[in-house]
C-alpha atoms as a PDB file:
ATOM      1  CA  MET A   1      -0.598  -0.186  -0.321  1.00  0.00           C
ATOM      2  CA  ILE A   2       2.681   2.754   1.245  1.00  0.00           C
ATOM      3  CA  ASP A   3       4.873   1.436  -2.066  1.00  0.00           C
ATOM      4  CA  HIS A   4       1.808   2.406  -4.472  1.00  0.00           C
ATOM      5  CA  LEU A   5       1.635   5.902  -2.762  1.00  0.00           C
ATOM      6  CA  LEU A   6       4.820   6.749  -3.149  1.00  0.00           C
ATOM      7  CA  ALA A   7       4.324   5.756  -6.811  1.00  0.00           C
ATOM      8  CA  VAL A   8       1.700   7.958  -7.377  1.00  0.00           C
ATOM      9  CA  THR A   9       3.472  10.759  -5.332  1.00  0.00           C
ATOM     10  CA  PRO A  10       5.573  12.417  -8.108  1.00  0.00           C
ATOM     11  CA  TRP A  11       2.367  12.501 -10.013  1.00  0.00           C
ATOM     12  CA  VAL A  12       0.485  14.655  -7.427  1.00  0.00           C
ATOM     13  CA  HIS A  13       3.774  17.396  -6.940  1.00  0.00           C
ATOM     14  CA  ARG A  14       2.888  17.522 -10.339  1.00  0.00           C
ATOM     15  CA  ILE A  15      -0.107  18.387 -10.458  1.00  0.00           C
ATOM     16  CA  ALA A  16      -0.005  20.375  -7.417  1.00  0.00           C
ATOM     17  CA  TRP A  17       2.638  22.415  -8.621  1.00  0.00           C
ATOM     18  CA  SER A  18       0.893  22.592 -11.926  1.00  0.00           C
ATOM     19  CA  LEU A  19      -2.156  23.894 -10.247  1.00  0.00           C
ATOM     20  CA  VAL A  20      -0.231  26.349  -8.334  1.00  0.00           C
ATOM     21  CA  ALA A  21       1.452  28.129 -10.965  1.00  0.00           C
ATOM     22  CA  ILE A  22      -1.602  28.615 -13.232  1.00  0.00           C
ATOM     23  CA  LEU A  23      -3.380  29.821  -9.879  1.00  0.00           C
ATOM     24  CA  THR A  24      -0.953  32.023  -9.353  1.00  0.00           C
ATOM     25  CA  ALA A  25      -0.379  33.378 -12.554  1.00  0.00           C
ATOM     26  CA  TRP A  26      -4.313  33.877 -13.104  1.00  0.00           C
ATOM     27  CA  LEU A  27      -3.995  35.649  -9.195  1.00  0.00           C
ATOM     28  CA  ILE A  28      -1.073  38.239 -10.731  1.00  0.00           C
ATOM     29  CA  GLY A  29      -2.920  38.840 -13.967  1.00  0.00           C
ATOM     30  CA  ARG A  30      -5.932  39.668 -11.672  1.00  0.00           C
ATOM     31  CA  PHE A  31      -4.127  41.974  -9.368  1.00  0.00           C
ATOM     32  CA  ALA A  32      -2.221  43.643 -12.399  1.00  0.00           C
ATOM     33  CA  THR A  33      -5.600  44.233 -14.137  1.00  0.00           C
ATOM     34  CA  ARG A  34      -6.984  46.295 -11.359  1.00  0.00           C
ATOM     35  CA  THR A  35      -4.038  47.633 -11.167  1.00  0.00           C
ATOM     36  CA  ILE A  36      -3.349  48.923 -15.058  1.00  0.00           C
ATOM     37  CA  CYS A  37      -6.700  49.287 -15.494  1.00  0.00           C
ATOM     38  CA  ARG A  38      -7.311  51.579 -12.658  1.00  0.00           C
ATOM     39  CA  LYS A  39      -5.057  53.939 -13.658  1.00  0.00           C
ATOM     40  CA  LEU A  40      -5.839  53.574 -17.589  1.00  0.00           C
ATOM     41  CA  SER A  41      -9.278  54.695 -16.376  1.00  0.00           C
ATOM     42  CA  ALA A  42      -7.675  57.783 -14.401  1.00  0.00           C
ATOM     43  CA  ILE A  43      -6.044  58.960 -17.201  1.00  0.00           C
ATOM     44  CA  ALA A  44      -8.748  58.485 -19.886  1.00  0.00           C
ATOM     45  CA  SER A  45     -10.795  59.909 -17.785  1.00  0.00           C
ATOM     46  CA  LYS A  46      -8.981  63.384 -18.193  1.00  0.00           C
ATOM     47  CA  THR A  47      -9.176  62.801 -22.031  1.00  0.00           C
ATOM     48  CA  SER A  48     -11.772  63.121 -24.778  1.00  0.00           C
ATOM     49  CA  TRP A  49     -10.479  59.873 -26.919  1.00  0.00           C
ATOM     50  CA  GLN A  50     -13.655  58.275 -27.308  1.00  0.00           C
ATOM     51  CA  TRP A  51     -12.084  54.112 -27.297  1.00  0.00           C
ATOM     52  CA  ASP A  52     -10.767  55.046 -23.741  1.00  0.00           C
ATOM     53  CA  GLU A  53     -13.894  52.594 -22.171  1.00  0.00           C
ATOM     54  CA  LEU A  54     -12.940  49.796 -25.236  1.00  0.00           C
ATOM     55  CA  VAL A  55      -9.460  49.569 -24.809  1.00  0.00           C
ATOM     56  CA  ILE A  56      -9.652  49.738 -21.143  1.00  0.00           C
ATOM     57  CA  ASP A  57     -12.223  46.447 -21.334  1.00  0.00           C
ATOM     58  CA  ALA A  58     -10.007  44.658 -23.775  1.00  0.00           C
ATOM     59  CA  LEU A  59      -7.562  44.892 -21.127  1.00  0.00           C
ATOM     60  CA  GLN A  60      -9.579  43.615 -18.323  1.00  0.00           C
ATOM     61  CA  GLN A  61     -10.693  40.615 -20.493  1.00  0.00           C
ATOM     62  CA  GLY A  62      -7.405  40.119 -21.578  1.00  0.00           C
ATOM     63  CA  ILE A  63      -4.608  40.511 -19.021  1.00  0.00           C
ATOM     64  CA  PRO A  64      -5.826  37.611 -16.889  1.00  0.00           C
ATOM     65  CA  ALA A  65      -6.744  35.351 -19.985  1.00  0.00           C
ATOM     66  CA  TRP A  66      -2.868  36.266 -20.510  1.00  0.00           C
ATOM     67  CA  SER A  67      -1.518  35.357 -17.385  1.00  0.00           C
ATOM     68  CA  VAL A  68      -3.458  31.971 -17.242  1.00  0.00           C
ATOM     69  CA  ILE A  69      -1.622  31.461 -20.600  1.00  0.00           C
ATOM     70  CA  VAL A  70       1.854  32.331 -19.030  1.00  0.00           C
ATOM     71  CA  GLY A  71       1.385  30.259 -15.881  1.00  0.00           C
ATOM     72  CA  MET A  72      -0.396  27.068 -18.309  1.00  0.00           C
ATOM     73  CA  SER A  73       3.831  27.583 -19.757  1.00  0.00           C
ATOM     74  CA  ILE A  74       5.437  27.727 -16.552  1.00  0.00           C
ATOM     75  CA  ALA A  75       3.158  24.691 -15.498  1.00  0.00           C
ATOM     76  CA  LEU A  76       4.865  22.812 -18.423  1.00  0.00           C
ATOM     77  CA  GLU A  77       7.875  22.870 -17.256  1.00  0.00           C
ATOM     78  CA  CYS A  78       6.524  20.630 -14.347  1.00  0.00           C
ATOM     79  CA  TRP A  79       6.275  17.585 -16.300  1.00  0.00           C
ATOM     80  CA  GLN A  80       9.189  15.652 -17.989  1.00  0.00           C
ATOM     81  CA  LEU A  81       7.832  15.980 -21.478  1.00  0.00           C
ATOM     82  CA  PRO A  82      10.287  15.330 -24.479  1.00  0.00           C
ATOM     83  CA  GLU A  83      12.133  18.137 -25.671  1.00  0.00           C
ATOM     84  CA  PRO A  84       9.863  18.196 -29.248  1.00  0.00           C
ATOM     85  CA  LEU A  85       6.307  17.784 -27.147  1.00  0.00           C
ATOM     86  CA  LEU A  86       7.330  20.131 -24.735  1.00  0.00           C
ATOM     87  CA  HIS A  87       8.817  22.705 -27.613  1.00  0.00           C
ATOM     88  CA  THR A  88       5.250  22.053 -29.514  1.00  0.00           C
ATOM     89  CA  LEU A  89       2.837  22.813 -26.406  1.00  0.00           C
ATOM     90  CA  HIS A  90       5.074  26.250 -26.001  1.00  0.00           C
ATOM     91  CA  ARG A  91       4.090  26.821 -29.670  1.00  0.00           C
ATOM     92  CA  ALA A  92       0.902  26.349 -28.870  1.00  0.00           C
ATOM     93  CA  LEU A  93       0.536  28.738 -26.106  1.00  0.00           C
ATOM     94  CA  TYR A  94       2.182  31.061 -27.667  1.00  0.00           C
ATOM     95  CA  VAL A  95      -0.350  30.709 -30.806  1.00  0.00           C
ATOM     96  CA  LEU A  96      -3.169  31.187 -28.245  1.00  0.00           C
ATOM     97  CA  VAL A  97      -1.651  34.253 -26.556  1.00  0.00           C
ATOM     98  CA  TRP A  98      -1.371  35.802 -30.483  1.00  0.00           C
ATOM     99  CA  LEU A  99      -5.204  34.573 -31.283  1.00  0.00           C
ATOM    100  CA  SER A 100      -6.110  36.207 -27.913  1.00  0.00           C
ATOM    101  CA  THR A 101      -4.766  39.655 -28.454  1.00  0.00           C
ATOM    102  CA  SER A 102      -5.642  39.277 -32.344  1.00  0.00           C
ATOM    103  CA  GLY A 103      -9.251  38.748 -31.054  1.00  0.00           C
ATOM    104  CA  ARG A 104      -9.068  41.356 -28.008  1.00  0.00           C
ATOM    105  CA  SER A 105      -7.508  44.249 -31.017  1.00  0.00           C
ATOM    106  CA  ALA A 106     -11.107  43.208 -33.102  1.00  0.00           C
ATOM    107  CA  ASN A 107     -13.481  43.537 -30.473  1.00  0.00           C
ATOM    108  CA  VAL A 108     -11.385  46.983 -29.872  1.00  0.00           C
ATOM    109  CA  LEU A 109     -12.081  48.241 -34.130  1.00  0.00           C
END
């Protein structure tokens, strides 16, 4: 029984650290969103530019999503994956960032 628990432990640790990385990145993203958007809102209130609200809304949605993607990239490092697979997964996350950025930009325009 104990041998079985010891065999499972590395997986449990990897899953736990992966979740910690993703959750921490999300929390940092939420904090950054509040800080950045609050400052941008203060600046925007002093301008007459009509697109301020759209840019701030796009950032409010984008920053947490991008931070989770960064957390997923960090979480991948917890796993002992073959280098080609790790490279492919990092590329996929990179593509997600660009798709998300493009989508946010399209909503602003």
